[in-house]
Amino acid sequence: MHSLVGVMVVATLAFTGTMFDNFFAFAAQLALTERDRYQRISSAQALGVTTLVLLAAGVGTLLVAIPTRWIGLLCVAPWALAVHGWRHRAKPAHEQYRRGALTTFTLCLALGGDNLAVWIPLLRASRTLHEILTIAVFALWEAVFIFAAQSLASHPRVIGWGNRYGRSLIPWIYLGLGVLILIECGTFS
């Protein structure tokens, strides 16, 4: 799947799949924040995601000496997250408290382990043009993500649904992302 459309589809799946938990945490935080502070909080969220992308690209560059087929074995990271999510799906979600931009940035990084687990092998497996396109797709989805979270912040039922059912969906998303890593890295081809 190396066409430009294929790269955009894979980037979309990688971004939306790993940002699912972050999305509802961010929307819940916005729900507890005054509307006039949305821009500052949203900027901190975008900076957090930018930091994660830079970390993933940087680590991917450091792994250049390792054949891409072997990088696909990093699929165990999202699979481990899937097992962890499945084992802990019955635990109640953490309560979200209103904080400032620094907390938003820190929370984004704290929830970014799964992002790095998926984005590092994805960006490492990409050629330069595909890596640039992937990062551009990530930027587009981050803008959509922030807009949607701001819109949903005024709908507590939606946030409640995400907090209630997200823990059940996340293990399946991680399983799929692990398979996606194997395919993109050509590990078994």
N, C-alpha and C. Protein backbone atom coordinates (compact mmCIF):
# COMPACT_ATOMS: atom_id res chain seq x y z
N MET A 1 0.85 -1.18 0.00
CA MET A 1 0.00 0.00 0.00
C MET A 1 0.89 1.23 0.00
N HIS A 2 1.55 1.48 -1.12
CA HIS A 2 2.50 2.58 -1.16
C HIS A 2 2.06 3.72 -2.07
N SER A 3 0.82 3.72 -2.49
CA SER A 3 0.34 4.87 -3.26
C SER A 3 0.13 6.03 -2.29
N LEU A 4 0.03 7.21 -2.82
CA LEU A 4 -0.18 8.37 -1.95
C LEU A 4 -1.49 8.27 -1.19
N VAL A 5 -2.53 7.76 -1.86
CA VAL A 5 -3.81 7.57 -1.17
C VAL A 5 -3.66 6.54 -0.07
N GLY A 6 -2.91 5.48 -0.35
CA GLY A 6 -2.66 4.45 0.66
C GLY A 6 -1.93 5.02 1.87
N VAL A 7 -0.95 5.87 1.61
CA VAL A 7 -0.21 6.51 2.71
C VAL A 7 -1.15 7.37 3.54
N MET A 8 -2.05 8.09 2.88
CA MET A 8 -2.99 8.94 3.62
C MET A 8 -3.96 8.10 4.45
N VAL A 9 -4.40 6.97 3.92
CA VAL A 9 -5.31 6.09 4.66
C VAL A 9 -4.59 5.51 5.89
N VAL A 10 -3.37 5.02 5.70
CA VAL A 10 -2.60 4.46 6.81
C VAL A 10 -2.33 5.53 7.86
N ALA A 11 -1.94 6.72 7.43
CA ALA A 11 -1.68 7.81 8.38
C ALA A 11 -2.95 8.17 9.14
N THR A 12 -4.08 8.18 8.47
CA THR A 12 -5.35 8.48 9.12
C THR A 12 -5.66 7.42 10.18
N LEU A 13 -5.51 6.16 9.83
CA LEU A 13 -5.77 5.08 10.80
C LEU A 13 -4.82 5.16 11.98
N ALA A 14 -3.55 5.43 11.70
CA ALA A 14 -2.56 5.53 12.78
C ALA A 14 -2.85 6.69 13.71
N PHE A 15 -3.23 7.83 13.15
CA PHE A 15 -3.50 9.00 13.99
C PHE A 15 -4.79 8.82 14.79
N THR A 16 -5.88 8.51 14.09
CA THR A 16 -7.17 8.43 14.79
C THR A 16 -7.19 7.27 15.78
N GLY A 17 -6.54 6.17 15.43
CA GLY A 17 -6.52 5.03 16.34
C GLY A 17 -5.77 5.30 17.63
N THR A 18 -4.65 6.00 17.53
CA THR A 18 -3.85 6.26 18.73
C THR A 18 -4.32 7.48 19.50
N MET A 19 -5.11 8.34 18.87
CA MET A 19 -5.57 9.55 19.55
C MET A 19 -6.95 9.39 20.18
N PHE A 20 -7.53 8.21 20.11
CA PHE A 20 -8.87 7.97 20.64
C PHE A 20 -8.96 8.34 22.12
N ASP A 21 -8.04 7.80 22.93
CA ASP A 21 -8.05 8.10 24.37
C ASP A 21 -7.76 9.56 24.64
N ASN A 22 -6.81 10.11 23.91
CA ASN A 22 -6.42 11.50 24.07
C ASN A 22 -7.58 12.44 23.72
N PHE A 23 -8.33 12.06 22.69
CA PHE A 23 -9.46 12.88 22.25
C PHE A 23 -10.47 13.09 23.37
N PHE A 24 -10.89 12.01 24.00
CA PHE A 24 -11.91 12.14 25.05
C PHE A 24 -11.35 12.80 26.31
N ALA A 25 -10.08 12.57 26.62
CA ALA A 25 -9.48 13.26 27.76
C ALA A 25 -9.41 14.76 27.50
N PHE A 26 -9.03 15.14 26.27
CA PHE A 26 -8.95 16.55 25.91
C PHE A 26 -10.33 17.20 25.90
N ALA A 27 -11.33 16.52 25.32
CA ALA A 27 -12.70 17.07 25.28
C ALA A 27 -13.25 17.23 26.69
N ALA A 28 -12.96 16.27 27.57
CA ALA A 28 -13.43 16.37 28.95
C ALA A 28 -12.76 17.55 29.66
N GLN A 29 -11.49 17.76 29.38
CA GLN A 29 -10.80 18.90 29.99
C GLN A 29 -11.39 20.21 29.48
N LEU A 30 -11.68 20.28 28.19
CA LEU A 30 -12.30 21.49 27.64
C LEU A 30 -13.68 21.73 28.24
N ALA A 31 -14.40 20.66 28.53
CA ALA A 31 -15.74 20.80 29.10
C ALA A 31 -15.68 21.48 30.46
N LEU A 32 -14.54 21.39 31.14
CA LEU A 32 -14.38 21.99 32.45
C LEU A 32 -13.62 23.32 32.41
N THR A 33 -13.38 23.80 31.21
CA THR A 33 -12.59 25.02 31.02
C THR A 33 -13.47 26.13 30.46
N GLU A 34 -13.20 27.36 30.91
CA GLU A 34 -13.95 28.49 30.38
C GLU A 34 -13.66 28.64 28.89
N ARG A 35 -14.68 29.02 28.15
CA ARG A 35 -14.58 29.11 26.69
C ARG A 35 -13.47 30.06 26.23
N ASP A 36 -13.20 31.11 26.97
CA ASP A 36 -12.18 32.07 26.56
C ASP A 36 -10.75 31.50 26.71
N ARG A 37 -10.60 30.35 27.35
CA ARG A 37 -9.29 29.72 27.49
C ARG A 37 -9.08 28.56 26.51
N TYR A 38 -10.08 28.29 25.65
CA TYR A 38 -9.98 27.18 24.70
C TYR A 38 -8.76 27.30 23.79
N GLN A 39 -8.48 28.50 23.32
CA GLN A 39 -7.37 28.67 22.38
C GLN A 39 -6.04 28.29 23.02
N ARG A 40 -5.81 28.73 24.24
CA ARG A 40 -4.55 28.43 24.93
C ARG A 40 -4.44 26.92 25.18
N ILE A 41 -5.52 26.30 25.64
CA ILE A 41 -5.52 24.87 25.92
C ILE A 41 -5.34 24.08 24.61
N SER A 42 -6.00 24.52 23.55
CA SER A 42 -5.89 23.85 22.26
C SER A 42 -4.48 23.96 21.70
N SER A 43 -3.84 25.11 21.88
CA SER A 43 -2.46 25.29 21.43
C SER A 43 -1.52 24.35 22.18
N ALA A 44 -1.76 24.18 23.46
CA ALA A 44 -0.94 23.25 24.25
C ALA A 44 -1.13 21.81 23.77
N GLN A 45 -2.36 21.46 23.42
CA GLN A 45 -2.63 20.13 22.88
C GLN A 45 -1.89 19.93 21.56
N ALA A 46 -1.96 20.91 20.68
CA ALA A 46 -1.28 20.82 19.38
C ALA A 46 0.24 20.74 19.57
N LEU A 47 0.77 21.48 20.52
CA LEU A 47 2.21 21.42 20.80
C LEU A 47 2.59 20.04 21.33
N GLY A 48 1.74 19.44 22.15
CA GLY A 48 2.00 18.10 22.65
C GLY A 48 2.06 17.08 21.52
N VAL A 49 1.12 17.16 20.59
CA VAL A 49 1.11 16.23 19.46
C VAL A 49 2.31 16.48 18.56
N THR A 50 2.66 17.74 18.34
CA THR A 50 3.84 18.06 17.54
C THR A 50 5.09 17.47 18.18
N THR A 51 5.20 17.55 19.48
CA THR A 51 6.33 16.97 20.20
C THR A 51 6.38 15.46 20.00
N LEU A 52 5.22 14.81 20.07
CA LEU A 52 5.17 13.36 19.86
C LEU A 52 5.59 12.98 18.44
N VAL A 53 5.15 13.75 17.46
CA VAL A 53 5.53 13.48 16.06
C VAL A 53 7.04 13.65 15.89
N LEU A 54 7.59 14.71 16.46
CA LEU A 54 9.04 14.94 16.36
C LEU A 54 9.83 13.82 17.04
N LEU A 55 9.34 13.37 18.20
CA LEU A 55 10.00 12.25 18.88
C LEU A 55 9.94 10.99 18.03
N ALA A 56 8.77 10.70 17.48
CA ALA A 56 8.61 9.49 16.65
C ALA A 56 9.51 9.55 15.42
N ALA A 57 9.56 10.70 14.76
CA ALA A 57 10.40 10.84 13.57
C ALA A 57 11.88 10.75 13.95
N GLY A 58 12.24 11.35 15.07
CA GLY A 58 13.64 11.31 15.52
C GLY A 58 14.09 9.91 15.88
N VAL A 59 13.28 9.20 16.63
CA VAL A 59 13.63 7.82 16.99
C VAL A 59 13.64 6.95 15.73
N GLY A 60 12.67 7.17 14.84
CA GLY A 60 12.66 6.43 13.58
C GLY A 60 13.94 6.64 12.79
N THR A 61 14.45 7.85 12.79
CA THR A 61 15.71 8.15 12.10
C THR A 61 16.88 7.42 12.75
N LEU A 62 16.87 7.33 14.06
CA LEU A 62 17.94 6.61 14.76
C LEU A 62 17.92 5.12 14.44
N LEU A 63 16.76 4.61 14.05
CA LEU A 63 16.62 3.18 13.75
C LEU A 63 16.92 2.86 12.29
N VAL A 64 17.46 3.81 11.55
CA VAL A 64 17.69 3.63 10.12
C VAL A 64 18.63 2.46 9.82
N ALA A 65 19.51 2.12 10.72
CA ALA A 65 20.44 1.02 10.50
C ALA A 65 19.75 -0.35 10.60
N ILE A 66 18.56 -0.38 11.17
CA ILE A 66 17.82 -1.63 11.34
C ILE A 66 16.91 -1.81 10.13
N PRO A 67 16.94 -2.99 9.51
CA PRO A 67 16.07 -3.21 8.35
C PRO A 67 14.59 -2.99 8.70
N THR A 68 13.87 -2.40 7.76
CA THR A 68 12.45 -2.07 7.98
C THR A 68 11.66 -3.31 8.37
N ARG A 69 11.97 -4.45 7.77
CA ARG A 69 11.23 -5.68 8.10
C ARG A 69 11.31 -5.99 9.59
N TRP A 70 12.45 -5.70 10.21
CA TRP A 70 12.61 -5.95 11.64
C TRP A 70 11.86 -4.92 12.48
N ILE A 71 11.76 -3.71 11.96
CA ILE A 71 11.02 -2.66 12.68
C ILE A 71 9.57 -3.09 12.86
N GLY A 72 9.04 -3.87 11.91
CA GLY A 72 7.66 -4.36 12.02
C GLY A 72 7.41 -5.16 13.28
N LEU A 73 8.47 -5.72 13.86
CA LEU A 73 8.30 -6.47 15.10
C LEU A 73 7.91 -5.57 16.28
N LEU A 74 8.04 -4.26 16.06
CA LEU A 74 7.57 -3.34 17.10
C LEU A 74 6.04 -3.38 17.24
N CYS A 75 5.39 -4.17 16.40
CA CYS A 75 3.94 -4.33 16.51
C CYS A 75 3.57 -4.89 17.88
N VAL A 76 4.53 -5.49 18.58
CA VAL A 76 4.22 -6.03 19.91
C VAL A 76 3.86 -4.91 20.89
N ALA A 77 4.34 -3.70 20.64
CA ALA A 77 4.01 -2.60 21.56
C ALA A 77 2.51 -2.30 21.56
N PRO A 78 1.86 -2.04 20.39
CA PRO A 78 0.41 -1.82 20.45
C PRO A 78 -0.34 -3.08 20.89
N TRP A 79 0.19 -4.27 20.59
CA TRP A 79 -0.48 -5.49 21.05
C TRP A 79 -0.40 -5.60 22.57
N ALA A 80 0.72 -5.20 23.15
CA ALA A 80 0.83 -5.19 24.62
C ALA A 80 -0.16 -4.17 25.20
N LEU A 81 -0.29 -3.03 24.53
CA LEU A 81 -1.27 -2.04 24.98
C LEU A 81 -2.69 -2.59 24.87
N ALA A 82 -2.95 -3.40 23.84
CA ALA A 82 -4.27 -4.02 23.68
C ALA A 82 -4.54 -4.98 24.83
N VAL A 83 -3.57 -5.81 25.17
CA VAL A 83 -3.73 -6.75 26.29
C VAL A 83 -3.95 -5.98 27.59
N HIS A 84 -3.15 -4.94 27.80
CA HIS A 84 -3.30 -4.12 29.00
C HIS A 84 -4.70 -3.48 29.05
N GLY A 85 -5.12 -2.92 27.92
CA GLY A 85 -6.45 -2.30 27.86
C GLY A 85 -7.56 -3.31 28.11
N TRP A 86 -7.41 -4.51 27.57
CA TRP A 86 -8.42 -5.54 27.76
C TRP A 86 -8.48 -5.97 29.22
N ARG A 87 -7.32 -6.12 29.85
CA ARG A 87 -7.27 -6.54 31.25
C ARG A 87 -7.83 -5.48 32.19
N HIS A 88 -7.71 -4.21 31.82
CA HIS A 88 -8.12 -3.11 32.70
C HIS A 88 -9.37 -2.40 32.22
N ARG A 89 -10.11 -3.01 31.32
CA ARG A 89 -11.29 -2.35 30.74
C ARG A 89 -12.40 -2.10 31.76
N ALA A 90 -12.44 -2.88 32.83
CA ALA A 90 -13.51 -2.73 33.82
C ALA A 90 -13.20 -1.65 34.85
N LYS A 91 -11.96 -1.18 34.88
CA LYS A 91 -11.60 -0.13 35.84
C LYS A 91 -12.26 1.18 35.43
N PRO A 92 -12.70 1.96 36.40
CA PRO A 92 -13.33 3.24 36.04
C PRO A 92 -12.31 4.20 35.42
N ALA A 93 -12.80 5.01 34.49
CA ALA A 93 -11.94 6.01 33.85
C ALA A 93 -11.50 7.05 34.87
N HIS A 94 -10.32 7.61 34.66
CA HIS A 94 -9.84 8.65 35.55
C HIS A 94 -10.68 9.90 35.39
N GLU A 95 -10.94 10.55 36.49
CA GLU A 95 -11.70 11.79 36.45
C GLU A 95 -10.83 12.90 35.88
N GLN A 96 -11.41 13.74 35.07
CA GLN A 96 -10.67 14.84 34.46
C GLN A 96 -10.87 16.11 35.29
N TYR A 97 -9.79 16.80 35.54
CA TYR A 97 -9.86 18.05 36.28
C TYR A 97 -9.40 19.19 35.39
N ARG A 98 -9.97 20.33 35.61
CA ARG A 98 -9.59 21.50 34.82
C ARG A 98 -8.20 21.95 35.24
N ARG A 99 -7.39 22.18 34.27
CA ARG A 99 -6.04 22.68 34.51
C ARG A 99 -5.68 23.61 33.36
N GLY A 100 -4.47 24.09 33.39
CA GLY A 100 -4.04 25.02 32.36
C GLY A 100 -3.34 24.35 31.20
N ALA A 101 -2.67 25.18 30.41
CA ALA A 101 -2.01 24.72 29.19
C ALA A 101 -0.89 23.73 29.50
N LEU A 102 -0.14 23.94 30.58
CA LEU A 102 0.95 23.03 30.92
C LEU A 102 0.41 21.63 31.21
N THR A 103 -0.70 21.56 31.91
CA THR A 103 -1.31 20.26 32.20
C THR A 103 -1.79 19.59 30.92
N THR A 104 -2.36 20.36 30.02
CA THR A 104 -2.82 19.81 28.75
C THR A 104 -1.65 19.23 27.97
N PHE A 105 -0.55 19.97 27.89
CA PHE A 105 0.65 19.52 27.20
C PHE A 105 1.19 18.24 27.85
N THR A 106 1.29 18.24 29.17
CA THR A 106 1.82 17.09 29.90
C THR A 106 0.91 15.88 29.75
N LEU A 107 -0.40 16.08 29.82
CA LEU A 107 -1.34 14.98 29.65
C LEU A 107 -1.24 14.39 28.25
N CYS A 108 -1.08 15.24 27.26
CA CYS A 108 -0.91 14.77 25.87
C CYS A 108 0.32 13.88 25.76
N LEU A 109 1.42 14.30 26.36
CA LEU A 109 2.64 13.49 26.33
C LEU A 109 2.46 12.19 27.12
N ALA A 110 1.79 12.28 28.28
CA ALA A 110 1.58 11.10 29.11
C ALA A 110 0.72 10.06 28.38
N LEU A 111 -0.25 10.51 27.63
CA LEU A 111 -1.11 9.60 26.88
C LEU A 111 -0.48 9.22 25.53
N GLY A 112 0.72 9.70 25.26
CA GLY A 112 1.34 9.52 23.96
C GLY A 112 2.19 8.27 23.79
N GLY A 113 2.26 7.43 24.78
CA GLY A 113 3.05 6.20 24.64
C GLY A 113 2.57 5.33 23.49
N ASP A 114 1.25 5.20 23.39
CA ASP A 114 0.70 4.40 22.29
C ASP A 114 0.96 5.07 20.94
N ASN A 115 0.92 6.40 20.92
CA ASN A 115 1.22 7.12 19.69
C ASN A 115 2.64 6.79 19.22
N LEU A 116 3.59 6.87 20.14
CA LEU A 116 4.98 6.59 19.79
C LEU A 116 5.15 5.14 19.35
N ALA A 117 4.46 4.23 20.02
CA ALA A 117 4.58 2.80 19.68
C ALA A 117 4.14 2.53 18.25
N VAL A 118 3.18 3.29 17.76
CA VAL A 118 2.68 3.10 16.40
C VAL A 118 3.40 4.02 15.42
N TRP A 119 3.60 5.27 15.79
CA TRP A 119 4.16 6.24 14.86
C TRP A 119 5.63 6.01 14.55
N ILE A 120 6.42 5.51 15.50
CA ILE A 120 7.84 5.28 15.24
C ILE A 120 8.03 4.29 14.10
N PRO A 121 7.45 3.08 14.19
CA PRO A 121 7.67 2.16 13.05
C PRO A 121 7.01 2.65 11.76
N LEU A 122 5.89 3.34 11.86
CA LEU A 122 5.23 3.86 10.67
C LEU A 122 6.12 4.87 9.95
N LEU A 123 6.66 5.82 10.70
CA LEU A 123 7.52 6.84 10.09
C LEU A 123 8.85 6.24 9.65
N ARG A 124 9.36 5.26 10.38
CA ARG A 124 10.62 4.60 10.00
C ARG A 124 10.45 3.82 8.69
N ALA A 125 9.27 3.23 8.49
CA ALA A 125 9.02 2.42 7.29
C ALA A 125 8.77 3.29 6.06
N SER A 126 8.56 4.57 6.27
CA SER A 126 8.20 5.47 5.17
C SER A 126 9.44 6.04 4.48
N ARG A 127 9.31 6.24 3.17
CA ARG A 127 10.31 7.00 2.45
C ARG A 127 10.05 8.48 2.74
N THR A 128 10.96 9.34 2.36
CA THR A 128 10.88 10.76 2.72
C THR A 128 9.57 11.40 2.30
N LEU A 129 9.17 11.21 1.07
CA LEU A 129 7.91 11.80 0.60
C LEU A 129 6.73 11.28 1.39
N HIS A 130 6.72 9.98 1.64
CA HIS A 130 5.62 9.38 2.40
C HIS A 130 5.64 9.85 3.86
N GLU A 131 6.82 10.04 4.40
CA GLU A 131 6.92 10.54 5.77
C GLU A 131 6.38 11.96 5.86
N ILE A 132 6.71 12.80 4.90
CA ILE A 132 6.20 14.17 4.87
C ILE A 132 4.67 14.17 4.73
N LEU A 133 4.17 13.32 3.84
CA LEU A 133 2.72 13.21 3.65
C LEU A 133 2.04 12.70 4.92
N THR A 134 2.65 11.73 5.57
CA THR A 134 2.09 11.20 6.82
C THR A 134 2.01 12.30 7.88
N ILE A 135 3.06 13.08 8.01
CA ILE A 135 3.07 14.16 9.00
C ILE A 135 2.04 15.23 8.62
N ALA A 136 1.87 15.51 7.34
CA ALA A 136 0.85 16.47 6.90
C ALA A 136 -0.55 15.95 7.24
N VAL A 137 -0.78 14.66 7.03
CA VAL A 137 -2.08 14.06 7.39
C VAL A 137 -2.29 14.14 8.90
N PHE A 138 -1.25 13.88 9.67
CA PHE A 138 -1.34 14.01 11.13
C PHE A 138 -1.74 15.44 11.51
N ALA A 139 -1.12 16.43 10.86
CA ALA A 139 -1.44 17.84 11.16
C ALA A 139 -2.88 18.15 10.82
N LEU A 140 -3.35 17.65 9.70
CA LEU A 140 -4.76 17.86 9.33
C LEU A 140 -5.69 17.23 10.35
N TRP A 141 -5.41 15.99 10.73
CA TRP A 141 -6.27 15.32 11.71
C TRP A 141 -6.18 15.99 13.08
N GLU A 142 -5.04 16.54 13.43
CA GLU A 142 -4.93 17.25 14.71
C GLU A 142 -5.83 18.48 14.70
N ALA A 143 -5.89 19.19 13.58
CA ALA A 143 -6.80 20.35 13.48
C ALA A 143 -8.25 19.89 13.61
N VAL A 144 -8.60 18.80 12.93
CA VAL A 144 -9.96 18.25 13.04
C VAL A 144 -10.23 17.81 14.48
N PHE A 145 -9.26 17.16 15.07
CA PHE A 145 -9.34 16.68 16.44
C PHE A 145 -9.65 17.83 17.41
N ILE A 146 -8.91 18.91 17.30
CA ILE A 146 -9.12 20.05 18.20
C ILE A 146 -10.48 20.68 17.97
N PHE A 147 -10.86 20.88 16.71
CA PHE A 147 -12.18 21.44 16.40
C PHE A 147 -13.30 20.55 16.96
N ALA A 148 -13.19 19.24 16.73
CA ALA A 148 -14.22 18.32 17.21
C ALA A 148 -14.27 18.28 18.73
N ALA A 149 -13.13 18.30 19.38
CA ALA A 149 -13.10 18.29 20.85
C ALA A 149 -13.74 19.56 21.41
N GLN A 150 -13.47 20.70 20.77
CA GLN A 150 -14.10 21.94 21.22
C GLN A 150 -15.61 21.88 21.02
N SER A 151 -16.06 21.28 19.93
CA SER A 151 -17.49 21.15 19.67
C SER A 151 -18.15 20.20 20.66
N LEU A 152 -17.45 19.10 20.97
CA LEU A 152 -18.03 18.10 21.87
C LEU A 152 -17.97 18.51 23.34
N ALA A 153 -17.12 19.47 23.65
CA ALA A 153 -16.97 19.88 25.05
C ALA A 153 -18.28 20.38 25.64
N SER A 154 -19.18 20.82 24.79
CA SER A 154 -20.48 21.30 25.29
C SER A 154 -21.52 20.18 25.32
N HIS A 155 -21.12 18.96 24.98
CA HIS A 155 -22.03 17.81 24.99
C HIS A 155 -21.53 16.74 25.95
N PRO A 156 -21.86 16.88 27.25
CA PRO A 156 -21.36 15.93 28.24
C PRO A 156 -21.76 14.47 27.97
N ARG A 157 -22.87 14.25 27.27
CA ARG A 157 -23.28 12.87 26.97
C ARG A 157 -22.27 12.19 26.04
N VAL A 158 -21.75 12.94 25.09
CA VAL A 158 -20.76 12.38 24.17
C VAL A 158 -19.49 12.01 24.92
N ILE A 159 -19.05 12.90 25.79
CA ILE A 159 -17.86 12.63 26.60
C ILE A 159 -18.11 11.42 27.49
N GLY A 160 -19.30 11.34 28.08
CA GLY A 160 -19.67 10.20 28.90
C GLY A 160 -19.63 8.90 28.11
N TRP A 161 -20.14 8.93 26.85
CA TRP A 161 -20.11 7.74 26.01
C TRP A 161 -18.68 7.31 25.75
N GLY A 162 -17.82 8.27 25.43
CA GLY A 162 -16.42 7.95 25.17
C GLY A 162 -15.73 7.37 26.39
N ASN A 163 -16.01 7.94 27.54
CA ASN A 163 -15.41 7.42 28.77
C ASN A 163 -15.95 6.03 29.11
N ARG A 164 -17.21 5.79 28.81
CA ARG A 164 -17.85 4.52 29.13
C ARG A 164 -17.43 3.40 28.19
N TYR A 165 -17.44 3.66 26.88
CA TYR A 165 -17.19 2.60 25.90
C TYR A 165 -15.79 2.61 25.29
N GLY A 166 -15.09 3.70 25.46
CA GLY A 166 -13.76 3.81 24.87
C GLY A 166 -12.81 2.74 25.37
N ARG A 167 -12.90 2.40 26.65
CA ARG A 167 -12.01 1.40 27.23
C ARG A 167 -12.25 0.02 26.62
N SER A 168 -13.44 -0.24 26.13
CA SER A 168 -13.73 -1.51 25.46
C SER A 168 -13.27 -1.51 24.01
N LEU A 169 -13.29 -0.34 23.38
CA LEU A 169 -12.90 -0.25 21.97
C LEU A 169 -11.39 -0.19 21.77
N ILE A 170 -10.68 0.43 22.70
CA ILE A 170 -9.25 0.68 22.52
C ILE A 170 -8.44 -0.60 22.31
N PRO A 171 -8.67 -1.71 23.03
CA PRO A 171 -7.87 -2.91 22.74
C PRO A 171 -7.99 -3.38 21.29
N TRP A 172 -9.18 -3.29 20.72
CA TRP A 172 -9.38 -3.71 19.33
C TRP A 172 -8.66 -2.76 18.37
N ILE A 173 -8.66 -1.49 18.69
CA ILE A 173 -7.95 -0.51 17.86
C ILE A 173 -6.45 -0.81 17.88
N TYR A 174 -5.90 -1.10 19.07
CA TYR A 174 -4.47 -1.41 19.17
C TYR A 174 -4.11 -2.69 18.42
N LEU A 175 -4.97 -3.70 18.50
CA LEU A 175 -4.71 -4.93 17.75
C LEU A 175 -4.61 -4.63 16.25
N GLY A 176 -5.55 -3.85 15.76
CA GLY A 176 -5.54 -3.48 14.35
C GLY A 176 -4.31 -2.67 13.97
N LEU A 177 -3.90 -1.76 14.85
CA LEU A 177 -2.71 -0.96 14.56
C LEU A 177 -1.45 -1.81 14.53
N GLY A 178 -1.38 -2.84 15.37
CA GLY A 178 -0.24 -3.76 15.33
C GLY A 178 -0.15 -4.48 13.99
N VAL A 179 -1.29 -4.93 13.48
CA VAL A 179 -1.34 -5.58 12.17
C VAL A 179 -0.92 -4.58 11.09
N LEU A 180 -1.39 -3.35 11.21
CA LEU A 180 -1.03 -2.30 10.25
C LEU A 180 0.49 -2.09 10.21
N ILE A 181 1.12 -2.11 11.37
CA ILE A 181 2.59 -1.95 11.43
C ILE A 181 3.27 -3.10 10.69
N LEU A 182 2.80 -4.33 10.92
CA LEU A 182 3.40 -5.48 10.23
C LEU A 182 3.28 -5.33 8.72
N ILE A 183 2.12 -4.91 8.26
CA ILE A 183 1.89 -4.76 6.82
C ILE A 183 2.77 -3.66 6.25
N GLU A 184 2.77 -2.49 6.88
CA GLU A 184 3.54 -1.35 6.37
C GLU A 184 5.03 -1.61 6.35
N CYS A 185 5.52 -2.37 7.31
CA CYS A 185 6.95 -2.65 7.37
C CYS A 185 7.33 -3.85 6.50
N GLY A 186 6.35 -4.55 5.95
CA GLY A 186 6.63 -5.71 5.11
C GLY A 186 7.33 -6.83 5.86
N THR A 187 6.99 -7.00 7.12
CA THR A 187 7.68 -7.95 7.97
C THR A 187 7.55 -9.39 7.47
N PHE A 188 6.41 -9.77 6.95
CA PHE A 188 6.22 -11.16 6.52
C PHE A 188 6.14 -11.32 5.01
N SER A 189 6.56 -10.30 4.27
CA SER A 189 6.49 -10.45 2.82
C SER A 189 7.84 -10.76 2.22
